[in-house]
Amino acid sequence: MAQVKSTMAGVVLAINAQPGERIEVGQDVILLESMKMEIPIQAEVAGTVKEIKVQVGDFVEDGAALIELE
């Protein structure tokens, strides 16, 4: 099972994927705010979204699982 993970600590501003949606490598799937900057998190692998593990407004740590893919 693949995961999309956070590349830095920050607050989730937007979620650009939905369960059941097919995502491709390089697609922006989460938007984080860190140090007053907006940081897009991109999928490193292609797959179908199984579960979104965060909600808008959540604080996430570096390396935290954001999305599960199947």
PDB file of N, CA and C in Angstrom:
ATOM      1  N   MET A   1       0.852  -1.176   0.000  1.00  0.00           N
ATOM      2  CA  MET A   1       0.000   0.000   0.000  1.00  0.00           C
ATOM      3  C   MET A   1       0.895   1.236   0.000  1.00  0.00           C
ATOM      4  N   ALA A   2       0.661   2.143  -0.908  1.00  0.00           N
ATOM      5  CA  ALA A   2       1.442   3.369  -1.025  1.00  0.00           C
ATOM      6  C   ALA A   2       0.783   4.492  -0.240  1.00  0.00           C
ATOM      7  N   GLN A   3       1.586   5.467   0.137  1.00  0.00           N
ATOM      8  CA  GLN A   3       1.085   6.631   0.865  1.00  0.00           C
ATOM      9  C   GLN A   3       1.682   7.903   0.282  1.00  0.00           C
ATOM     10  N   VAL A   4       0.930   8.979   0.395  1.00  0.00           N
ATOM     11  CA  VAL A   4       1.462  10.317   0.135  1.00  0.00           C
ATOM     12  C   VAL A   4       1.796  10.876   1.504  1.00  0.00           C
ATOM     13  N   LYS A   5       3.058  11.316   1.685  1.00  0.00           N
ATOM     14  CA  LYS A   5       3.506  11.806   2.984  1.00  0.00           C
ATOM     15  C   LYS A   5       3.878  13.277   2.915  1.00  0.00           C
ATOM     16  N   SER A   6       3.773  13.927   4.054  1.00  0.00           N
ATOM     17  CA  SER A   6       4.150  15.325   4.172  1.00  0.00           C
ATOM     18  C   SER A   6       5.660  15.468   4.021  1.00  0.00           C
ATOM     19  N   THR A   7       6.073  16.506   3.331  1.00  0.00           N
ATOM     20  CA  THR A   7       7.510  16.767   3.164  1.00  0.00           C
ATOM     21  C   THR A   7       8.016  17.781   4.179  1.00  0.00           C
ATOM     22  N   MET A   8       7.101  18.328   4.979  1.00  0.00           N
ATOM     23  CA  MET A   8       7.476  19.257   6.048  1.00  0.00           C
ATOM     24  C   MET A   8       6.301  19.430   6.993  1.00  0.00           C
ATOM     25  N   ALA A   9       6.571  19.999   8.149  1.00  0.00           N
ATOM     26  CA  ALA A   9       5.497  20.285   9.099  1.00  0.00           C
ATOM     27  C   ALA A   9       4.703  21.491   8.609  1.00  0.00           C
ATOM     28  N   GLY A  10       3.400  21.466   8.829  1.00  0.00           N
ATOM     29  CA  GLY A  10       2.569  22.589   8.421  1.00  0.00           C
ATOM     30  C   GLY A  10       1.094  22.308   8.656  1.00  0.00           C
ATOM     31  N   VAL A  11       0.280  23.278   8.246  1.00  0.00           N
ATOM     32  CA  VAL A  11      -1.173  23.191   8.398  1.00  0.00           C
ATOM     33  C   VAL A  11      -1.786  22.892   7.036  1.00  0.00           C
ATOM     34  N   VAL A  12      -2.723  21.946   6.997  1.00  0.00           N
ATOM     35  CA  VAL A  12      -3.403  21.578   5.751  1.00  0.00           C
ATOM     36  C   VAL A  12      -4.346  22.725   5.347  1.00  0.00           C
ATOM     37  N   LEU A  13      -4.088  23.302   4.172  1.00  0.00           N
ATOM     38  CA  LEU A  13      -4.949  24.372   3.643  1.00  0.00           C
ATOM     39  C   LEU A  13      -6.014  23.841   2.703  1.00  0.00           C
ATOM     40  N   ALA A  14      -5.661  22.816   1.903  1.00  0.00           N
ATOM     41  CA  ALA A  14      -6.603  22.281   0.916  1.00  0.00           C
ATOM     42  C   ALA A  14      -6.264  20.829   0.624  1.00  0.00           C
ATOM     43  N   ILE A  15      -7.295  20.076   0.275  1.00  0.00           N
ATOM     44  CA  ILE A  15      -7.149  18.686  -0.145  1.00  0.00           C
ATOM     45  C   ILE A  15      -7.699  18.608  -1.564  1.00  0.00           C
ATOM     46  N   ASN A  16      -6.828  18.241  -2.504  1.00  0.00           N
ATOM     47  CA  ASN A  16      -7.193  18.265  -3.921  1.00  0.00           C
ATOM     48  C   ASN A  16      -7.405  16.872  -4.498  1.00  0.00           C
ATOM     49  N   ALA A  17      -7.808  15.931  -3.652  1.00  0.00           N
ATOM     50  CA  ALA A  17      -8.096  14.565  -4.095  1.00  0.00           C
ATOM     51  C   ALA A  17      -9.257  14.043  -3.260  1.00  0.00           C
ATOM     52  N   GLN A  18      -9.970  13.087  -3.807  1.00  0.00           N
ATOM     53  CA  GLN A  18     -11.130  12.493  -3.135  1.00  0.00           C
ATOM     54  C   GLN A  18     -10.994  10.976  -3.143  1.00  0.00           C
ATOM     55  N   PRO A  19     -11.545  10.291  -2.134  1.00  0.00           N
ATOM     56  CA  PRO A  19     -11.531   8.825  -2.153  1.00  0.00           C
ATOM     57  C   PRO A  19     -12.117   8.294  -3.466  1.00  0.00           C
ATOM     58  N   GLY A  20     -11.444   7.295  -4.030  1.00  0.00           N
ATOM     59  CA  GLY A  20     -11.880   6.705  -5.291  1.00  0.00           C
ATOM     60  C   GLY A  20     -11.269   7.362  -6.517  1.00  0.00           C
ATOM     61  N   GLU A  21     -10.654   8.515  -6.348  1.00  0.00           N
ATOM     62  CA  GLU A  21     -10.058   9.240  -7.474  1.00  0.00           C
ATOM     63  C   GLU A  21      -8.697   8.655  -7.836  1.00  0.00           C
ATOM     64  N   ARG A  22      -8.425   8.556  -9.107  1.00  0.00           N
ATOM     65  CA  ARG A  22      -7.120   8.107  -9.604  1.00  0.00           C
ATOM     66  C   ARG A  22      -6.194   9.323  -9.648  1.00  0.00           C
ATOM     67  N   ILE A  23      -5.013   9.206  -9.029  1.00  0.00           N
ATOM     68  CA  ILE A  23      -4.041  10.293  -9.076  1.00  0.00           C
ATOM     69  C   ILE A  23      -2.774   9.807  -9.772  1.00  0.00           C
ATOM     70  N   GLU A  24      -2.076  10.740 -10.364  1.00  0.00           N
ATOM     71  CA  GLU A  24      -0.874  10.437 -11.136  1.00  0.00           C
ATOM     72  C   GLU A  24       0.362  11.004 -10.435  1.00  0.00           C
ATOM     73  N   VAL A  25       1.525  10.484 -10.800  1.00  0.00           N
ATOM     74  CA  VAL A  25       2.789  10.977 -10.259  1.00  0.00           C
ATOM     75  C   VAL A  25       2.919  12.470 -10.570  1.00  0.00           C
ATOM     76  N   GLY A  26       3.285  13.251  -9.565  1.00  0.00           N
ATOM     77  CA  GLY A  26       3.488  14.687  -9.748  1.00  0.00           C
ATOM     78  C   GLY A  26       2.242  15.530  -9.562  1.00  0.00           C
ATOM     79  N   GLN A  27       1.089  14.887  -9.381  1.00  0.00           N
ATOM     80  CA  GLN A  27      -0.159  15.634  -9.191  1.00  0.00           C
ATOM     81  C   GLN A  27      -0.178  16.257  -7.791  1.00  0.00           C
ATOM     82  N   ASP A  28      -0.551  17.544  -7.706  1.00  0.00           N
ATOM     83  CA  ASP A  28      -0.713  18.210  -6.414  1.00  0.00           C
ATOM     84  C   ASP A  28      -1.956  17.654  -5.733  1.00  0.00           C
ATOM     85  N   VAL A  29      -1.782  17.064  -4.528  1.00  0.00           N
ATOM     86  CA  VAL A  29      -2.913  16.445  -3.851  1.00  0.00           C
ATOM     87  C   VAL A  29      -3.264  17.125  -2.527  1.00  0.00           C
ATOM     88  N   ILE A  30      -2.295  17.781  -1.906  1.00  0.00           N
ATOM     89  CA  ILE A  30      -2.504  18.488  -0.633  1.00  0.00           C
ATOM     90  C   ILE A  30      -1.771  19.816  -0.722  1.00  0.00           C
ATOM     91  N   LEU A  31      -2.349  20.848  -0.120  1.00  0.00           N
ATOM     92  CA  LEU A  31      -1.682  22.140  -0.019  1.00  0.00           C
ATOM     93  C   LEU A  31      -1.463  22.435   1.459  1.00  0.00           C
ATOM     94  N   LEU A  32      -0.178  22.618   1.832  1.00  0.00           N
ATOM     95  CA  LEU A  32       0.173  22.938   3.214  1.00  0.00           C
ATOM     96  C   LEU A  32       0.592  24.391   3.325  1.00  0.00           C
ATOM     97  N   GLU A  33       0.425  24.949   4.515  1.00  0.00           N
ATOM     98  CA  GLU A  33       0.999  26.254   4.825  1.00  0.00           C
ATOM     99  C   GLU A  33       2.079  26.025   5.872  1.00  0.00           C
ATOM    100  N   SER A  34       3.272  26.505   5.562  1.00  0.00           N
ATOM    101  CA  SER A  34       4.389  26.384   6.483  1.00  0.00           C
ATOM    102  C   SER A  34       5.205  27.670   6.401  1.00  0.00           C
ATOM    103  N   MET A  35       5.435  28.307   7.530  1.00  0.00           N
ATOM    104  CA  MET A  35       6.208  29.556   7.602  1.00  0.00           C
ATOM    105  C   MET A  35       5.654  30.612   6.639  1.00  0.00           C
ATOM    106  N   LYS A  36       4.321  30.743   6.622  1.00  0.00           N
ATOM    107  CA  LYS A  36       3.608  31.724   5.783  1.00  0.00           C
ATOM    108  C   LYS A  36       3.738  31.472   4.282  1.00  0.00           C
ATOM    109  N   MET A  37       4.178  30.277   3.909  1.00  0.00           N
ATOM    110  CA  MET A  37       4.288  29.911   2.495  1.00  0.00           C
ATOM    111  C   MET A  37       3.334  28.762   2.206  1.00  0.00           C
ATOM    112  N   GLU A  38       2.784  28.726   0.987  1.00  0.00           N
ATOM    113  CA  GLU A  38       1.940  27.616   0.559  1.00  0.00           C
ATOM    114  C   GLU A  38       2.810  26.590  -0.151  1.00  0.00           C
ATOM    115  N   ILE A  39       2.758  25.352   0.329  1.00  0.00           N
ATOM    116  CA  ILE A  39       3.606  24.282  -0.184  1.00  0.00           C
ATOM    117  C   ILE A  39       2.724  23.171  -0.752  1.00  0.00           C
ATOM    118  N   PRO A  40       2.757  22.947  -2.074  1.00  0.00           N
ATOM    119  CA  PRO A  40       1.986  21.836  -2.634  1.00  0.00           C
ATOM    120  C   PRO A  40       2.695  20.503  -2.361  1.00  0.00           C
ATOM    121  N   ILE A  41       1.929  19.504  -1.953  1.00  0.00           N
ATOM    122  CA  ILE A  41       2.449  18.154  -1.761  1.00  0.00           C
ATOM    123  C   ILE A  41       1.998  17.339  -2.961  1.00  0.00           C
ATOM    124  N   GLN A  42       2.963  16.742  -3.646  1.00  0.00           N
ATOM    125  CA  GLN A  42       2.668  15.989  -4.860  1.00  0.00           C
ATOM    126  C   GLN A  42       2.768  14.490  -4.617  1.00  0.00           C
ATOM    127  N   ALA A  43       1.984  13.748  -5.367  1.00  0.00           N
ATOM    128  CA  ALA A  43       2.036  12.286  -5.303  1.00  0.00           C
ATOM    129  C   ALA A  43       3.342  11.814  -5.926  1.00  0.00           C
ATOM    130  N   GLU A  44       4.031  10.916  -5.229  1.00  0.00           N
ATOM    131  CA  GLU A  44       5.271  10.341  -5.753  1.00  0.00           C
ATOM    132  C   GLU A  44       5.014   9.045  -6.511  1.00  0.00           C
ATOM    133  N   VAL A  45       3.812   8.488  -6.323  1.00  0.00           N
ATOM    134  CA  VAL A  45       3.399   7.287  -7.050  1.00  0.00           C
ATOM    135  C   VAL A  45       1.965   7.474  -7.532  1.00  0.00           C
ATOM    136  N   ALA A  46       1.623   6.772  -8.588  1.00  0.00           N
ATOM    137  CA  ALA A  46       0.248   6.803  -9.092  1.00  0.00           C
ATOM    138  C   ALA A  46      -0.580   5.776  -8.334  1.00  0.00           C
ATOM    139  N   GLY A  47      -1.866   6.021  -8.237  1.00  0.00           N
ATOM    140  CA  GLY A  47      -2.760   5.071  -7.587  1.00  0.00           C
ATOM    141  C   GLY A  47      -4.144   5.648  -7.408  1.00  0.00           C
ATOM    142  N   THR A  48      -4.993   4.873  -6.764  1.00  0.00           N
ATOM    143  CA  THR A  48      -6.355   5.293  -6.462  1.00  0.00           C
ATOM    144  C   THR A  48      -6.424   5.640  -4.983  1.00  0.00           C
ATOM    145  N   VAL A  49      -7.021   6.787  -4.668  1.00  0.00           N
ATOM    146  CA  VAL A  49      -7.121   7.244  -3.283  1.00  0.00           C
ATOM    147  C   VAL A  49      -8.028   6.295  -2.511  1.00  0.00           C
ATOM    148  N   LYS A  50      -7.465   5.678  -1.463  1.00  0.00           N
ATOM    149  CA  LYS A  50      -8.239   4.790  -0.601  1.00  0.00           C
ATOM    150  C   LYS A  50      -8.782   5.569   0.593  1.00  0.00           C
ATOM    151  N   GLU A  51      -7.931   6.413   1.194  1.00  0.00           N
ATOM    152  CA  GLU A  51      -8.338   7.145   2.398  1.00  0.00           C
ATOM    153  C   GLU A  51      -7.561   8.451   2.511  1.00  0.00           C
ATOM    154  N   ILE A  52      -8.275   9.516   2.874  1.00  0.00           N
ATOM    155  CA  ILE A  52      -7.656  10.799   3.201  1.00  0.00           C
ATOM    156  C   ILE A  52      -7.476  10.790   4.718  1.00  0.00           C
ATOM    157  N   LYS A  53      -6.259  10.926   5.196  1.00  0.00           N
ATOM    158  CA  LYS A  53      -5.975  10.798   6.623  1.00  0.00           C
ATOM    159  C   LYS A  53      -5.971  12.123   7.373  1.00  0.00           C
ATOM    160  N   VAL A  54      -6.164  13.235   6.668  1.00  0.00           N
ATOM    161  CA  VAL A  54      -6.147  14.558   7.302  1.00  0.00           C
ATOM    162  C   VAL A  54      -7.366  15.355   6.878  1.00  0.00           C
ATOM    163  N   GLN A  55      -7.603  16.450   7.585  1.00  0.00           N
ATOM    164  CA  GLN A  55      -8.674  17.384   7.249  1.00  0.00           C
ATOM    165  C   GLN A  55      -8.074  18.781   7.143  1.00  0.00           C
ATOM    166  N   VAL A  56      -8.753  19.658   6.418  1.00  0.00           N
ATOM    167  CA  VAL A  56      -8.320  21.050   6.334  1.00  0.00           C
ATOM    168  C   VAL A  56      -8.249  21.611   7.757  1.00  0.00           C
ATOM    169  N   GLY A  57      -7.152  22.283   8.055  1.00  0.00           N
ATOM    170  CA  GLY A  57      -6.940  22.868   9.377  1.00  0.00           C
ATOM    171  C   GLY A  57      -6.064  22.029  10.284  1.00  0.00           C
ATOM    172  N   ASP A  58      -5.854  20.744   9.923  1.00  0.00           N
ATOM    173  CA  ASP A  58      -4.992  19.879  10.735  1.00  0.00           C
ATOM    174  C   ASP A  58      -3.534  20.319  10.637  1.00  0.00           C
ATOM    175  N   PHE A  59      -2.800  20.201  11.756  1.00  0.00           N
ATOM    176  CA  PHE A  59      -1.349  20.386  11.741  1.00  0.00           C
ATOM    177  C   PHE A  59      -0.727  19.016  11.525  1.00  0.00           C
ATOM    178  N   VAL A  60       0.214  18.925  10.589  1.00  0.00           N
ATOM    179  CA  VAL A  60       0.889  17.655  10.315  1.00  0.00           C
ATOM    180  C   VAL A  60       2.390  17.814  10.500  1.00  0.00           C
ATOM    181  N   GLU A  61       3.014  16.749  10.936  1.00  0.00           N
ATOM    182  CA  GLU A  61       4.466  16.714  11.106  1.00  0.00           C
ATOM    183  C   GLU A  61       5.129  16.285   9.802  1.00  0.00           C
ATOM    184  N   ASP A  62       6.410  16.564   9.671  1.00  0.00           N
ATOM    185  CA  ASP A  62       7.200  16.104   8.542  1.00  0.00           C
ATOM    186  C   ASP A  62       7.147  14.577   8.493  1.00  0.00           C
ATOM    187  N   GLY A  63       6.829  14.016   7.336  1.00  0.00           N
ATOM    188  CA  GLY A  63       6.776  12.567   7.179  1.00  0.00           C
ATOM    189  C   GLY A  63       5.458  11.918   7.511  1.00  0.00           C
ATOM    190  N   ALA A  64       4.483  12.717   7.974  1.00  0.00           N
ATOM    191  CA  ALA A  64       3.172  12.171   8.336  1.00  0.00           C
ATOM    192  C   ALA A  64       2.444  11.659   7.075  1.00  0.00           C
ATOM    193  N   ALA A  65       1.741  10.530   7.219  1.00  0.00           N
ATOM    194  CA  ALA A  65       0.923  10.000   6.125  1.00  0.00           C
ATOM    195  C   ALA A  65      -0.293  10.896   5.935  1.00  0.00           C
ATOM    196  N   LEU A  66      -0.513  11.355   4.712  1.00  0.00           N
ATOM    197  CA  LEU A  66      -1.635  12.242   4.404  1.00  0.00           C
ATOM    198  C   LEU A  66      -2.747  11.506   3.646  1.00  0.00           C
ATOM    199  N   ILE A  67      -2.332  10.650   2.706  1.00  0.00           N
ATOM    200  CA  ILE A  67      -3.287   9.938   1.860  1.00  0.00           C
ATOM    201  C   ILE A  67      -2.790   8.505   1.680  1.00  0.00           C
ATOM    202  N   GLU A  68      -3.714   7.542   1.761  1.00  0.00           N
ATOM    203  CA  GLU A  68      -3.408   6.146   1.453  1.00  0.00           C
ATOM    204  C   GLU A  68      -3.893   5.846   0.043  1.00  0.00           C
ATOM    205  N   LEU A  69      -3.037   5.165  -0.715  1.00  0.00           N
ATOM    206  CA  LEU A  69      -3.372   4.779  -2.089  1.00  0.00           C
ATOM    207  C   LEU A  69      -3.457   3.264  -2.192  1.00  0.00           C
ATOM    208  N   GLU A  70      -4.233   2.808  -3.167  1.00  0.00           N
ATOM    209  CA  GLU A  70      -4.255   1.360  -3.452  1.00  0.00           C
ATOM    210  C   GLU A  70      -4.028   1.149  -4.928  1.00  0.00           C
TER     211      GLU A  70
END
